[in-house]
Amino acid sequence: MRRSSDYGGQPIRRGARLAFAVAGVCTATPLLAVTVGHEMSLAAAERAQARALTGALTRPGPACPELARAEFEARHRPLKNVFDYGGVAFARRFGHADCTMIGRSEPGGGEAYPVCRFTAPAVLRVTPDRGRAVIFEVGVGRAARVIVRDGRVRCVLTGPFGFS
């Protein structure tokens, strides 16, 4: 008969070992099931939220008026609010910007691409990593959304001020 390594040296009975093992399995199985179920529901909720965000950010609208580079240089001073996001350079005259990457959270969703919202930029210059600069004259007090996908730049007007 084996002895345990505790101080009392009491024998461990075969039935007691089996009872401890069964109790451990019975306790761990429901906890594991609850944890896995919770993680799966969080992942599903995250995918649904990503789909809703993608739909909101890629909603169509009227196109922003494009401005030729020569016309921009003749009428406007250089843009001072410049930043890079997702390999794209953005410049604006006024307002605030909020950017996110779309497309990578869905399985098989393809390449991620940047979508940026601007509160009241007046003028926007967007330069993809391997492309020419595109300049948009949004107008003062107008909000805009810019999508850069596969090197193509798209700008849509979204209304006065605020994010939509």
Protein backbone atom coordinates (compact mmCIF):
# COMPACT_ATOMS: atom_id res chain seq x y z
CA MET A 1 0.00 0.00 0.00
CA ARG A 2 1.35 3.44 -0.93
CA ARG A 3 1.70 6.17 1.56
CA SER A 4 1.11 9.83 0.81
CA SER A 5 3.87 12.32 1.32
CA ASP A 6 2.00 14.31 3.92
CA TYR A 7 2.99 14.31 7.58
CA GLY A 8 0.47 11.77 8.74
CA GLY A 9 1.50 9.09 6.29
CA GLN A 10 -2.12 8.03 5.77
CA PRO A 11 -2.76 5.64 2.93
CA ILE A 12 -4.59 7.01 -0.13
CA ARG A 13 -7.40 4.72 -1.05
CA ARG A 14 -8.06 3.84 -4.62
CA GLY A 15 -11.71 4.88 -4.42
CA ALA A 16 -10.80 8.28 -2.99
CA ARG A 17 -8.46 8.98 -5.92
CA LEU A 18 -11.20 8.11 -8.37
CA ALA A 19 -13.70 10.29 -6.48
CA PHE A 20 -11.30 13.27 -6.59
CA ALA A 21 -10.74 12.77 -10.33
CA VAL A 22 -14.48 12.54 -11.05
CA ALA A 23 -15.16 15.64 -8.91
CA GLY A 24 -12.45 17.56 -10.79
CA VAL A 25 -13.84 16.59 -14.19
CA CYS A 26 -17.39 17.39 -13.13
CA THR A 27 -16.32 20.82 -11.92
CA ALA A 28 -14.02 21.69 -14.83
CA THR A 29 -16.34 20.63 -17.67
CA PRO A 30 -19.15 23.15 -17.03
CA LEU A 31 -16.62 25.93 -16.37
CA LEU A 32 -14.87 25.16 -19.64
CA ALA A 33 -18.19 25.09 -21.52
CA VAL A 34 -19.25 28.44 -20.06
CA THR A 35 -15.88 30.03 -20.87
CA VAL A 36 -15.85 28.75 -24.47
CA GLY A 37 -19.47 29.80 -25.01
CA HIS A 38 -18.75 33.27 -23.65
CA GLU A 39 -15.71 33.68 -25.91
CA MET A 40 -17.71 32.55 -28.94
CA SER A 41 -20.51 35.02 -28.19
CA LEU A 42 -17.97 37.84 -27.76
CA ALA A 43 -16.38 36.97 -31.11
CA ALA A 44 -19.80 36.94 -32.82
CA ALA A 45 -20.69 40.30 -31.27
CA GLU A 46 -17.35 41.73 -32.38
CA ARG A 47 -17.92 40.52 -35.97
CA ALA A 48 -21.43 42.04 -35.98
CA GLN A 49 -20.07 45.34 -34.68
CA ALA A 50 -17.36 45.34 -37.37
CA ARG A 51 -19.99 44.73 -40.09
CA ALA A 52 -22.13 47.59 -38.75
CA LEU A 53 -19.12 49.92 -38.61
CA THR A 54 -18.10 48.96 -42.14
CA GLY A 55 -21.63 49.67 -43.39
CA ALA A 56 -21.76 53.04 -41.63
CA LEU A 57 -18.33 54.15 -42.83
CA THR A 58 -18.78 53.06 -46.44
CA ARG A 59 -22.30 54.45 -46.89
CA PRO A 60 -22.62 56.34 -50.20
CA GLY A 61 -23.02 60.08 -50.41
CA PRO A 62 -22.41 62.94 -52.83
CA ALA A 63 -18.83 63.04 -54.11
CA CYS A 64 -16.49 65.73 -52.84
CA PRO A 65 -15.53 68.25 -55.55
CA GLU A 66 -12.02 67.46 -56.80
CA LEU A 67 -9.55 70.28 -57.26
CA ALA A 68 -6.65 70.36 -59.75
CA ARG A 69 -3.21 70.80 -58.21
CA ALA A 70 -2.50 74.02 -60.15
CA GLU A 71 -5.85 75.48 -59.06
CA PHE A 72 -5.16 74.50 -55.44
CA GLU A 73 -1.71 76.13 -55.48
CA ALA A 74 -3.14 79.32 -57.02
CA ARG A 75 -6.05 79.67 -54.56
CA HIS A 76 -4.91 78.09 -51.26
CA ARG A 77 -2.04 78.26 -48.80
CA PRO A 78 -0.24 75.02 -47.89
CA LEU A 79 -2.15 72.65 -45.61
CA LYS A 80 -0.71 72.46 -42.10
CA ASN A 81 -2.63 69.57 -40.49
CA VAL A 82 -0.82 66.57 -41.97
CA PHE A 83 -0.77 62.96 -40.73
CA ASP A 84 -0.15 59.42 -42.01
CA TYR A 85 -2.54 56.56 -41.43
CA GLY A 86 -2.39 53.08 -42.94
CA GLY A 87 0.26 54.08 -45.48
CA VAL A 88 -1.74 57.08 -46.70
CA ALA A 89 -0.82 60.75 -46.14
CA PHE A 90 -3.75 63.03 -45.26
CA ALA A 91 -3.67 66.83 -45.06
CA ARG A 92 -6.50 69.21 -44.15
CA ARG A 93 -7.06 72.90 -43.57
CA PHE A 94 -9.33 72.75 -40.49
CA GLY A 95 -11.31 70.40 -38.30
CA HIS A 96 -10.70 67.04 -36.72
CA ALA A 97 -10.01 63.61 -38.17
CA ASP A 98 -10.91 60.09 -37.04
CA CYS A 99 -9.54 57.07 -38.93
CA THR A 100 -10.00 53.31 -38.73
CA MET A 101 -8.97 50.26 -40.73
CA ILE A 102 -11.81 48.30 -42.32
CA GLY A 103 -11.87 44.79 -43.74
CA ARG A 104 -9.58 42.65 -41.62
CA SER A 105 -11.95 41.57 -38.84
CA GLU A 106 -14.11 39.34 -41.05
CA PRO A 107 -12.80 35.88 -41.98
CA GLY A 108 -11.88 36.12 -45.64
CA GLY A 109 -12.61 39.86 -45.44
CA GLY A 110 -9.59 40.65 -47.58
CA GLU A 111 -7.09 43.42 -47.28
CA ALA A 112 -7.65 46.11 -44.68
CA TYR A 113 -8.01 49.67 -45.93
CA PRO A 114 -8.25 53.07 -44.20
CA VAL A 115 -11.45 55.07 -43.80
CA CYS A 116 -11.17 58.57 -42.33
CA ARG A 117 -13.87 61.00 -41.23
CA PHE A 118 -13.26 64.75 -41.13
CA THR A 119 -15.46 67.27 -39.28
CA ALA A 120 -14.90 70.41 -41.35
CA PRO A 121 -11.68 70.17 -43.37
CA ALA A 122 -12.46 72.85 -46.04
CA VAL A 123 -9.71 71.33 -48.23
CA LEU A 124 -8.32 67.76 -48.15
CA ARG A 125 -5.23 66.32 -49.81
CA VAL A 126 -4.95 62.52 -49.85
CA THR A 127 -1.78 60.79 -51.06
CA PRO A 128 -1.83 56.97 -51.21
CA ASP A 129 1.53 55.26 -50.65
CA ARG A 130 2.03 54.55 -54.37
CA GLY A 131 -0.09 57.20 -56.00
CA ARG A 132 -0.53 60.82 -56.85
CA ALA A 133 -2.06 63.32 -54.47
CA VAL A 134 -5.79 63.90 -54.86
CA ILE A 135 -7.14 67.23 -53.62
CA PHE A 136 -10.76 67.80 -52.61
CA GLU A 137 -12.45 71.13 -51.89
CA VAL A 138 -15.03 70.07 -49.32
CA GLY A 139 -16.02 73.57 -48.23
CA VAL A 140 -16.09 75.22 -44.84
CA GLY A 141 -18.44 73.57 -42.33
CA ARG A 142 -18.96 70.41 -44.40
CA ALA A 143 -17.97 66.98 -43.07
CA ALA A 144 -16.39 64.39 -45.34
CA ARG A 145 -15.44 60.72 -45.35
CA VAL A 146 -12.41 59.45 -47.30
CA ILE A 147 -11.92 55.82 -48.29
CA VAL A 148 -8.62 54.66 -49.78
CA ARG A 149 -8.92 51.17 -51.23
CA ASP A 150 -6.58 49.48 -53.71
CA GLY A 151 -4.79 52.80 -54.30
CA ARG A 152 -8.04 54.56 -55.29
CA VAL A 153 -9.21 57.55 -53.27
CA ARG A 154 -12.93 58.21 -52.75
CA CYS A 155 -14.34 61.19 -50.86
CA VAL A 156 -18.00 61.70 -49.97
CA LEU A 157 -19.72 64.61 -48.25
CA THR A 158 -21.51 63.59 -45.06
CA GLY A 159 -23.27 66.74 -43.90
CA PRO A 160 -22.58 69.78 -41.74
CA PHE A 161 -20.14 69.23 -38.87
CA GLY A 162 -20.03 66.12 -36.71
CA PHE A 163 -19.44 62.55 -37.69
CA SER A 164 -22.13 60.57 -39.44
